[in-house]
Amino acid sequence: MVTILLVIHLIIAIALVAVVLLQRSEGGALGIGGGSGGGMSGFLTGRSTANLLTRTTAILAAIFIVTSLTLAKLSGGGGSGSFFDQAPAPTSVPAPAEPETTPPEPQAPAAPQAPVAQ
């Protein structure tokens, strides 16, 4: 089922590219079907052909989107719920230790001891 749908999807993608390239170029776009001296001056001219290509592009684009969504649904792995439901639960972060408010006092050096006579 998925393989058949994937082949149909690829055929639609190729047809969509071809239809877009056949459209009349309006300002240096990708179309090869318009302009003068293009070698195809008598092919696909006129307003009715432009409407036909526009409708064909819209229909192919809609079918392309439907097959894309269907392929995504079929290859989803059969998981239940949303992607966000599968995310790990956030862990709690321990509060930082509070620093001491006063620095420790330096200790005074011990007094030298007197030598003990023996």
C-alpha atoms as a PDB file:
ATOM      1  CA  MET A   1       0.000   0.000   0.000  1.00  0.00           C
ATOM      2  CA  VAL A   2       2.718   2.445   0.989  1.00  0.00           C
ATOM      3  CA  THR A   3       4.832   1.556  -2.045  1.00  0.00           C
ATOM      4  CA  ILE A   4       1.962   2.147  -4.450  1.00  0.00           C
ATOM      5  CA  LEU A   5       1.133   5.452  -2.793  1.00  0.00           C
ATOM      6  CA  LEU A   6       4.795   6.470  -2.915  1.00  0.00           C
ATOM      7  CA  VAL A   7       4.979   5.763  -6.662  1.00  0.00           C
ATOM      8  CA  ILE A   8       1.807   7.812  -7.215  1.00  0.00           C
ATOM      9  CA  HIS A   9       3.304  10.585  -5.098  1.00  0.00           C
ATOM     10  CA  LEU A  10       6.473  10.674  -7.199  1.00  0.00           C
ATOM     11  CA  ILE A  11       4.502  10.747 -10.465  1.00  0.00           C
ATOM     12  CA  ILE A  12       2.437  13.655  -9.142  1.00  0.00           C
ATOM     13  CA  ALA A  13       5.611  15.492  -8.088  1.00  0.00           C
ATOM     14  CA  ILE A  14       7.138  15.113 -11.553  1.00  0.00           C
ATOM     15  CA  ALA A  15       3.893  16.216 -13.219  1.00  0.00           C
ATOM     16  CA  LEU A  16       3.680  19.228 -10.901  1.00  0.00           C
ATOM     17  CA  VAL A  17       7.213  20.308 -11.817  1.00  0.00           C
ATOM     18  CA  ALA A  18       6.425  19.919 -15.525  1.00  0.00           C
ATOM     19  CA  VAL A  19       3.208  21.958 -15.293  1.00  0.00           C
ATOM     20  CA  VAL A  20       4.951  24.734 -13.367  1.00  0.00           C
ATOM     21  CA  LEU A  21       7.722  24.899 -15.962  1.00  0.00           C
ATOM     22  CA  LEU A  22       5.190  25.111 -18.800  1.00  0.00           C
ATOM     23  CA  GLN A  23       3.521  28.207 -17.346  1.00  0.00           C
ATOM     24  CA  ARG A  24       4.245  31.631 -18.759  1.00  0.00           C
ATOM     25  CA  SER A  25       7.117  33.429 -17.120  1.00  0.00           C
ATOM     26  CA  GLU A  26       6.058  36.701 -15.470  1.00  0.00           C
ATOM     27  CA  GLY A  27       9.246  38.475 -14.530  1.00  0.00           C
ATOM     28  CA  GLY A  28      12.094  36.049 -14.937  1.00  0.00           C
ATOM     29  CA  ALA A  29      10.581  33.128 -13.067  1.00  0.00           C
ATOM     30  CA  LEU A  30      11.046  29.459 -13.950  1.00  0.00           C
ATOM     31  CA  GLY A  31       8.501  29.137 -16.735  1.00  0.00           C
ATOM     32  CA  ILE A  32       9.736  28.029 -20.174  1.00  0.00           C
ATOM     33  CA  GLY A  33       6.446  28.344 -22.007  1.00  0.00           C
ATOM     34  CA  GLY A  34       6.373  32.118 -22.304  1.00  0.00           C
ATOM     35  CA  GLY A  35       8.362  34.918 -23.810  1.00  0.00           C
ATOM     36  CA  SER A  36       9.208  35.618 -27.420  1.00  0.00           C
ATOM     37  CA  GLY A  37      11.610  33.544 -29.423  1.00  0.00           C
ATOM     38  CA  GLY A  38      11.319  30.595 -27.104  1.00  0.00           C
ATOM     39  CA  GLY A  39      10.743  28.128 -29.904  1.00  0.00           C
ATOM     40  CA  MET A  40       7.325  27.296 -28.467  1.00  0.00           C
ATOM     41  CA  SER A  41       5.574  30.447 -29.624  1.00  0.00           C
ATOM     42  CA  GLY A  42       2.541  28.631 -31.004  1.00  0.00           C
ATOM     43  CA  PHE A  43       2.301  26.109 -28.187  1.00  0.00           C
ATOM     44  CA  LEU A  44       0.252  26.858 -25.060  1.00  0.00           C
ATOM     45  CA  THR A  45      -0.704  30.431 -25.784  1.00  0.00           C
ATOM     46  CA  GLY A  46      -3.732  32.416 -24.762  1.00  0.00           C
ATOM     47  CA  ARG A  47      -5.750  33.052 -21.649  1.00  0.00           C
ATOM     48  CA  SER A  48      -7.644  29.744 -21.707  1.00  0.00           C
ATOM     49  CA  THR A  49      -4.422  27.769 -21.675  1.00  0.00           C
ATOM     50  CA  ALA A  50      -3.146  29.843 -18.745  1.00  0.00           C
ATOM     51  CA  ASN A  51      -6.342  29.092 -16.848  1.00  0.00           C
ATOM     52  CA  LEU A  52      -5.991  25.395 -17.679  1.00  0.00           C
ATOM     53  CA  LEU A  53      -2.404  25.326 -16.422  1.00  0.00           C
ATOM     54  CA  THR A  54      -3.340  27.251 -13.281  1.00  0.00           C
ATOM     55  CA  ARG A  55      -6.166  24.848 -12.485  1.00  0.00           C
ATOM     56  CA  THR A  56      -3.972  21.850 -13.259  1.00  0.00           C
ATOM     57  CA  THR A  57      -1.278  23.197 -10.938  1.00  0.00           C
ATOM     58  CA  ALA A  58      -3.789  23.734  -8.142  1.00  0.00           C
ATOM     59  CA  ILE A  59      -5.277  20.250  -8.531  1.00  0.00           C
ATOM     60  CA  LEU A  60      -1.863  18.575  -8.657  1.00  0.00           C
ATOM     61  CA  ALA A  61      -0.713  20.572  -5.631  1.00  0.00           C
ATOM     62  CA  ALA A  62      -3.803  19.516  -3.663  1.00  0.00           C
ATOM     63  CA  ILE A  63      -3.289  15.856  -4.580  1.00  0.00           C
ATOM     64  CA  PHE A  64       0.417  16.173  -3.700  1.00  0.00           C
ATOM     65  CA  ILE A  65      -0.460  17.507  -0.235  1.00  0.00           C
ATOM     66  CA  VAL A  66      -3.039  14.762   0.340  1.00  0.00           C
ATOM     67  CA  THR A  67      -0.587  12.024  -0.644  1.00  0.00           C
ATOM     68  CA  SER A  68       2.108  13.621   1.530  1.00  0.00           C
ATOM     69  CA  LEU A  69      -0.163  13.626   4.562  1.00  0.00           C
ATOM     70  CA  THR A  70      -1.324  10.079   3.852  1.00  0.00           C
ATOM     71  CA  LEU A  71       2.254   8.820   3.548  1.00  0.00           C
ATOM     72  CA  ALA A  72       3.169  10.575   6.788  1.00  0.00           C
ATOM     73  CA  LYS A  73       0.223   9.004   8.577  1.00  0.00           C
ATOM     74  CA  LEU A  74       0.951   5.517   7.226  1.00  0.00           C
ATOM     75  CA  SER A  75       4.631   5.640   8.122  1.00  0.00           C
ATOM     76  CA  GLY A  76       4.027   7.113  11.578  1.00  0.00           C
ATOM     77  CA  GLY A  77       4.866   3.860  13.356  1.00  0.00           C
ATOM     78  CA  GLY A  78       1.412   3.399  14.844  1.00  0.00           C
ATOM     79  CA  GLY A  79       2.224   5.323  17.999  1.00  0.00           C
ATOM     80  CA  SER A  80      -0.641   6.600  20.084  1.00  0.00           C
ATOM     81  CA  GLY A  81      -1.007  10.164  21.173  1.00  0.00           C
ATOM     82  CA  SER A  82       0.846  13.243  20.136  1.00  0.00           C
ATOM     83  CA  PHE A  83       4.555  13.746  19.662  1.00  0.00           C
ATOM     84  CA  PHE A  84       4.515  16.118  22.611  1.00  0.00           C
ATOM     85  CA  ASP A  85       2.992  13.440  24.828  1.00  0.00           C
ATOM     86  CA  GLN A  86       6.052  11.268  24.256  1.00  0.00           C
ATOM     87  CA  ALA A  87       8.503  13.920  25.456  1.00  0.00           C
ATOM     88  CA  PRO A  88      10.258  13.115  28.754  1.00  0.00           C
ATOM     89  CA  ALA A  89       8.926  14.787  31.864  1.00  0.00           C
ATOM     90  CA  PRO A  90      10.974  17.789  33.012  1.00  0.00           C
ATOM     91  CA  THR A  91      13.252  17.085  35.959  1.00  0.00           C
ATOM     92  CA  SER A  92      13.373  19.359  38.948  1.00  0.00           C
ATOM     93  CA  VAL A  93      16.528  21.380  39.368  1.00  0.00           C
ATOM     94  CA  PRO A  94      17.782  21.777  42.961  1.00  0.00           C
ATOM     95  CA  ALA A  95      17.884  25.310  44.278  1.00  0.00           C
ATOM     96  CA  PRO A  96      21.373  26.805  44.389  1.00  0.00           C
ATOM     97  CA  ALA A  97      23.023  26.970  47.789  1.00  0.00           C
ATOM     98  CA  GLU A  98      22.822  30.392  49.382  1.00  0.00           C
ATOM     99  CA  PRO A  99      26.200  32.074  49.764  1.00  0.00           C
ATOM    100  CA  GLU A 100      27.357  33.208  53.165  1.00  0.00           C
ATOM    101  CA  THR A 101      26.570  36.834  53.807  1.00  0.00           C
ATOM    102  CA  THR A 102      29.816  37.642  55.626  1.00  0.00           C
ATOM    103  CA  PRO A 103      33.211  36.295  54.744  1.00  0.00           C
ATOM    104  CA  PRO A 104      34.922  34.264  57.445  1.00  0.00           C
ATOM    105  CA  GLU A 105      37.205  36.305  59.716  1.00  0.00           C
ATOM    106  CA  PRO A 106      40.893  35.673  59.290  1.00  0.00           C
ATOM    107  CA  GLN A 107      42.422  34.021  62.304  1.00  0.00           C
ATOM    108  CA  ALA A 108      45.183  35.818  64.090  1.00  0.00           C
ATOM    109  CA  PRO A 109      48.559  34.086  64.002  1.00  0.00           C
ATOM    110  CA  ALA A 110      49.370  32.198  67.108  1.00  0.00           C
ATOM    111  CA  ALA A 111      51.875  33.773  69.455  1.00  0.00           C
ATOM    112  CA  PRO A 112      55.318  32.249  69.289  1.00  0.00           C
ATOM    113  CA  GLN A 113      55.929  29.877  72.115  1.00  0.00           C
ATOM    114  CA  ALA A 114      58.858  30.349  74.411  1.00  0.00           C
ATOM    115  CA  PRO A 115      61.469  27.656  74.364  1.00  0.00           C
ATOM    116  CA  VAL A 116      61.112  25.226  77.188  1.00  0.00           C
ATOM    117  CA  ALA A 117      64.225  24.690  79.297  1.00  0.00           C
ATOM    118  CA  GLN A 118      65.183  21.176  79.957  1.00  0.00           C
END
